[in-house]
Amino acid sequence: MALDPRPELVSDSETWAKLLTLAYALDESDMDGAYGALLGIRCLGAQIARNGAGWAIQRGEIPEDEYQAIRTKYLLPVRDRITGLLGRLQ
């Protein structure tokens, strides 16, 4: 299982570890894929939370303008992969 790079953010650390493990299995260490995007945004303090029946990535500690720039550059290009990974979380 992949480790959460921000274990001090305890409220969602276990979920991040699961998500990063799934992403690594999909992309291995491709830093341009879903794994790299998710690892990077978590390192900056992003959070993950329940959103209805599923999960959503939230900006957490990242300032809004910075989060939007990161989201556009790194998350949106792999949005389909991330959406599929979030759907696999239990």
N, C-alpha and C. Protein backbone atom coordinates (compact mmCIF):
# COMPACT_ATOMS: atom_id res chain seq x y z
N MET A 1 0.85 -1.18 0.00
CA MET A 1 0.00 0.00 0.00
C MET A 1 0.89 1.24 0.00
N ALA A 2 0.51 2.22 -0.80
CA ALA A 2 1.24 3.49 -0.84
C ALA A 2 1.03 4.24 0.48
N LEU A 3 2.02 5.00 0.85
CA LEU A 3 1.93 5.80 2.07
C LEU A 3 1.40 7.18 1.76
N ASP A 4 0.65 7.74 2.67
CA ASP A 4 0.17 9.11 2.56
C ASP A 4 1.35 10.03 2.87
N PRO A 5 1.70 10.95 1.96
CA PRO A 5 2.81 11.86 2.25
C PRO A 5 2.49 12.91 3.31
N ARG A 6 1.23 12.99 3.71
CA ARG A 6 0.82 13.94 4.75
C ARG A 6 0.03 13.23 5.86
N PRO A 7 0.66 12.27 6.54
CA PRO A 7 -0.06 11.50 7.56
C PRO A 7 -0.52 12.33 8.75
N GLU A 8 0.04 13.53 8.90
CA GLU A 8 -0.41 14.38 10.00
C GLU A 8 -1.82 14.94 9.75
N LEU A 9 -2.29 14.86 8.52
CA LEU A 9 -3.67 15.25 8.21
C LEU A 9 -4.53 14.00 8.40
N VAL A 10 -4.77 13.67 9.64
CA VAL A 10 -5.30 12.36 10.02
C VAL A 10 -6.72 12.08 9.56
N SER A 11 -7.52 13.10 9.34
CA SER A 11 -8.94 12.86 9.04
C SER A 11 -9.16 12.08 7.75
N ASP A 12 -8.23 12.17 6.81
CA ASP A 12 -8.41 11.46 5.55
C ASP A 12 -7.17 10.69 5.10
N SER A 13 -6.23 10.51 6.00
CA SER A 13 -4.96 9.87 5.66
C SER A 13 -5.14 8.45 5.13
N GLU A 14 -5.98 7.67 5.76
CA GLU A 14 -6.20 6.29 5.33
C GLU A 14 -6.81 6.25 3.93
N THR A 15 -7.73 7.16 3.65
CA THR A 15 -8.36 7.21 2.34
C THR A 15 -7.35 7.61 1.27
N TRP A 16 -6.49 8.58 1.60
CA TRP A 16 -5.45 8.98 0.65
C TRP A 16 -4.50 7.82 0.37
N ALA A 17 -4.14 7.07 1.38
CA ALA A 17 -3.26 5.92 1.17
C ALA A 17 -3.90 4.93 0.21
N LYS A 18 -5.18 4.67 0.36
CA LYS A 18 -5.89 3.76 -0.54
C LYS A 18 -5.92 4.31 -1.96
N LEU A 19 -6.25 5.61 -2.08
CA LEU A 19 -6.34 6.23 -3.40
C LEU A 19 -4.98 6.22 -4.10
N LEU A 20 -3.93 6.55 -3.38
CA LEU A 20 -2.59 6.56 -3.97
C LEU A 20 -2.15 5.15 -4.36
N THR A 21 -2.54 4.16 -3.60
CA THR A 21 -2.23 2.77 -3.94
C THR A 21 -2.91 2.38 -5.25
N LEU A 22 -4.18 2.73 -5.39
CA LEU A 22 -4.91 2.45 -6.62
C LEU A 22 -4.28 3.18 -7.81
N ALA A 23 -3.92 4.44 -7.60
CA ALA A 23 -3.33 5.24 -8.67
C ALA A 23 -1.97 4.69 -9.09
N TYR A 24 -1.18 4.25 -8.11
CA TYR A 24 0.13 3.67 -8.43
C TYR A 24 -0.03 2.39 -9.25
N ALA A 25 -1.01 1.59 -8.90
CA ALA A 25 -1.27 0.36 -9.65
C ALA A 25 -1.68 0.68 -11.08
N LEU A 26 -2.34 1.80 -11.29
CA LEU A 26 -2.77 2.21 -12.63
C LEU A 26 -1.63 2.79 -13.44
N ASP A 27 -0.89 3.70 -12.85
CA ASP A 27 0.13 4.47 -13.57
C ASP A 27 1.56 4.14 -13.18
N GLU A 28 1.72 3.29 -12.18
CA GLU A 28 3.02 3.03 -11.57
C GLU A 28 3.63 4.37 -11.17
N SER A 29 4.84 4.64 -11.52
CA SER A 29 5.46 5.87 -11.04
C SER A 29 5.43 6.99 -12.08
N ASP A 30 4.50 6.95 -13.02
CA ASP A 30 4.37 7.98 -14.05
C ASP A 30 3.94 9.29 -13.40
N MET A 31 4.88 10.21 -13.26
CA MET A 31 4.57 11.47 -12.57
C MET A 31 3.67 12.38 -13.41
N ASP A 32 3.44 12.04 -14.68
CA ASP A 32 2.51 12.80 -15.52
C ASP A 32 1.12 12.18 -15.52
N GLY A 33 0.95 11.08 -14.82
CA GLY A 33 -0.33 10.40 -14.78
C GLY A 33 -1.12 10.76 -13.53
N ALA A 34 -2.13 9.97 -13.26
CA ALA A 34 -2.99 10.22 -12.09
C ALA A 34 -2.20 10.11 -10.79
N TYR A 35 -1.29 9.15 -10.72
CA TYR A 35 -0.50 8.99 -9.49
C TYR A 35 0.30 10.25 -9.18
N GLY A 36 1.02 10.75 -10.16
CA GLY A 36 1.83 11.95 -9.95
C GLY A 36 0.99 13.16 -9.57
N ALA A 37 -0.15 13.32 -10.24
CA ALA A 37 -1.02 14.46 -9.94
C ALA A 37 -1.58 14.36 -8.52
N LEU A 38 -2.04 13.18 -8.15
CA LEU A 38 -2.61 13.01 -6.81
C LEU A 38 -1.55 13.12 -5.73
N LEU A 39 -0.40 12.54 -5.96
CA LEU A 39 0.68 12.64 -4.98
C LEU A 39 1.07 14.10 -4.76
N GLY A 40 1.22 14.84 -5.84
CA GLY A 40 1.61 16.23 -5.74
C GLY A 40 0.60 17.09 -5.00
N ILE A 41 -0.66 16.89 -5.31
CA ILE A 41 -1.68 17.73 -4.68
C ILE A 41 -1.87 17.36 -3.20
N ARG A 42 -1.66 16.10 -2.88
CA ARG A 42 -1.74 15.71 -1.47
C ARG A 42 -0.57 16.29 -0.68
N CYS A 43 0.62 16.28 -1.28
CA CYS A 43 1.78 16.87 -0.61
C CYS A 43 1.52 18.32 -0.24
N LEU A 44 0.74 19.01 -1.05
CA LEU A 44 0.42 20.42 -0.79
C LEU A 44 -0.70 20.60 0.24
N GLY A 45 -1.38 19.51 0.60
CA GLY A 45 -2.39 19.59 1.64
C GLY A 45 -3.82 19.41 1.19
N ALA A 46 -4.03 18.92 -0.04
CA ALA A 46 -5.40 18.66 -0.49
C ALA A 46 -6.04 17.60 0.39
N GLN A 47 -7.35 17.63 0.45
CA GLN A 47 -8.09 16.65 1.25
C GLN A 47 -9.06 15.90 0.37
N ILE A 48 -9.58 14.82 0.89
CA ILE A 48 -10.58 14.04 0.20
C ILE A 48 -11.74 13.83 1.18
N ALA A 49 -12.95 13.95 0.66
CA ALA A 49 -14.13 13.85 1.53
C ALA A 49 -15.27 13.19 0.77
N ARG A 50 -16.18 12.63 1.52
CA ARG A 50 -17.40 12.06 0.93
C ARG A 50 -18.18 13.17 0.25
N ASN A 51 -18.73 12.82 -0.91
CA ASN A 51 -19.55 13.75 -1.68
C ASN A 51 -20.77 12.95 -2.14
N GLY A 52 -21.81 12.97 -1.34
CA GLY A 52 -22.94 12.12 -1.63
C GLY A 52 -22.54 10.66 -1.46
N ALA A 53 -22.71 9.88 -2.51
CA ALA A 53 -22.35 8.47 -2.46
C ALA A 53 -20.90 8.22 -2.85
N GLY A 54 -20.20 9.26 -3.30
CA GLY A 54 -18.83 9.09 -3.76
C GLY A 54 -17.84 9.92 -2.96
N TRP A 55 -16.73 10.25 -3.61
CA TRP A 55 -15.64 11.00 -2.99
C TRP A 55 -15.28 12.20 -3.85
N ALA A 56 -14.77 13.24 -3.22
CA ALA A 56 -14.32 14.44 -3.94
C ALA A 56 -13.01 14.93 -3.34
N ILE A 57 -12.13 15.39 -4.22
CA ILE A 57 -10.90 16.01 -3.77
C ILE A 57 -11.18 17.48 -3.52
N GLN A 58 -10.72 17.97 -2.37
CA GLN A 58 -10.94 19.36 -1.98
C GLN A 58 -9.59 20.04 -1.77
N ARG A 59 -9.58 21.35 -1.83
CA ARG A 59 -8.32 22.08 -1.78
C ARG A 59 -7.63 22.01 -0.43
N GLY A 60 -8.33 21.77 0.65
CA GLY A 60 -7.72 21.64 1.96
C GLY A 60 -6.90 22.85 2.33
N GLU A 61 -5.60 22.69 2.51
CA GLU A 61 -4.70 23.77 2.94
C GLU A 61 -4.22 24.66 1.80
N ILE A 62 -4.55 24.31 0.57
CA ILE A 62 -4.06 25.04 -0.60
C ILE A 62 -4.92 26.29 -0.83
N PRO A 63 -4.32 27.46 -0.98
CA PRO A 63 -5.11 28.66 -1.29
C PRO A 63 -5.92 28.45 -2.58
N GLU A 64 -7.11 29.03 -2.61
CA GLU A 64 -8.05 28.80 -3.71
C GLU A 64 -7.45 29.07 -5.09
N ASP A 65 -6.80 30.19 -5.27
CA ASP A 65 -6.25 30.51 -6.60
C ASP A 65 -5.16 29.53 -7.01
N GLU A 66 -4.33 29.13 -6.06
CA GLU A 66 -3.28 28.16 -6.34
C GLU A 66 -3.89 26.80 -6.66
N TYR A 67 -4.93 26.41 -5.90
CA TYR A 67 -5.59 25.14 -6.14
C TYR A 67 -6.18 25.10 -7.55
N GLN A 68 -6.85 26.17 -7.95
CA GLN A 68 -7.47 26.19 -9.27
C GLN A 68 -6.42 26.06 -10.38
N ALA A 69 -5.28 26.71 -10.22
CA ALA A 69 -4.20 26.60 -11.21
C ALA A 69 -3.66 25.18 -11.27
N ILE A 70 -3.45 24.57 -10.11
CA ILE A 70 -2.95 23.19 -10.04
C ILE A 70 -3.97 22.24 -10.63
N ARG A 71 -5.23 22.45 -10.29
CA ARG A 71 -6.31 21.60 -10.79
C ARG A 71 -6.34 21.62 -12.32
N THR A 72 -6.25 22.82 -12.88
CA THR A 72 -6.29 22.97 -14.34
C THR A 72 -5.09 22.30 -15.01
N LYS A 73 -3.91 22.53 -14.45
CA LYS A 73 -2.68 22.03 -15.09
C LYS A 73 -2.45 20.54 -14.89
N TYR A 74 -2.76 20.02 -13.71
CA TYR A 74 -2.38 18.64 -13.38
C TYR A 74 -3.54 17.66 -13.23
N LEU A 75 -4.65 18.11 -12.66
CA LEU A 75 -5.75 17.17 -12.41
C LEU A 75 -6.67 16.99 -13.61
N LEU A 76 -7.03 18.08 -14.26
CA LEU A 76 -7.97 17.97 -15.37
C LEU A 76 -7.48 17.11 -16.53
N PRO A 77 -6.18 17.14 -16.87
CA PRO A 77 -5.74 16.26 -17.96
C PRO A 77 -5.91 14.76 -17.67
N VAL A 78 -5.98 14.39 -16.41
CA VAL A 78 -6.17 12.98 -16.04
C VAL A 78 -7.48 12.78 -15.27
N ARG A 79 -8.41 13.66 -15.50
CA ARG A 79 -9.69 13.65 -14.78
C ARG A 79 -10.41 12.31 -14.88
N ASP A 80 -10.45 11.73 -16.08
CA ASP A 80 -11.16 10.45 -16.23
C ASP A 80 -10.54 9.35 -15.37
N ARG A 81 -9.22 9.32 -15.34
CA ARG A 81 -8.54 8.31 -14.51
C ARG A 81 -8.83 8.55 -13.03
N ILE A 82 -8.75 9.81 -12.61
CA ILE A 82 -9.00 10.13 -11.19
C ILE A 82 -10.43 9.81 -10.82
N THR A 83 -11.37 10.14 -11.68
CA THR A 83 -12.78 9.84 -11.42
C THR A 83 -12.99 8.33 -11.26
N GLY A 84 -12.35 7.55 -12.12
CA GLY A 84 -12.44 6.10 -12.01
C GLY A 84 -11.85 5.59 -10.70
N LEU A 85 -10.71 6.17 -10.31
CA LEU A 85 -10.08 5.76 -9.04
C LEU A 85 -10.95 6.12 -7.85
N LEU A 86 -11.51 7.32 -7.85
CA LEU A 86 -12.39 7.72 -6.75
C LEU A 86 -13.60 6.80 -6.66
N GLY A 87 -14.09 6.33 -7.80
CA GLY A 87 -15.22 5.41 -7.82
C GLY A 87 -14.89 4.05 -7.24
N ARG A 88 -13.61 3.72 -7.19
CA ARG A 88 -13.19 2.42 -6.64
C ARG A 88 -12.95 2.46 -5.13
N LEU A 89 -12.95 3.64 -4.55
CA LEU A 89 -12.77 3.74 -3.08
C LEU A 89 -14.02 3.22 -2.39
N GLN A 90 -13.82 2.62 -1.24
CA GLN A 90 -14.96 2.12 -0.47
C GLN A 90 -15.14 2.91 0.79
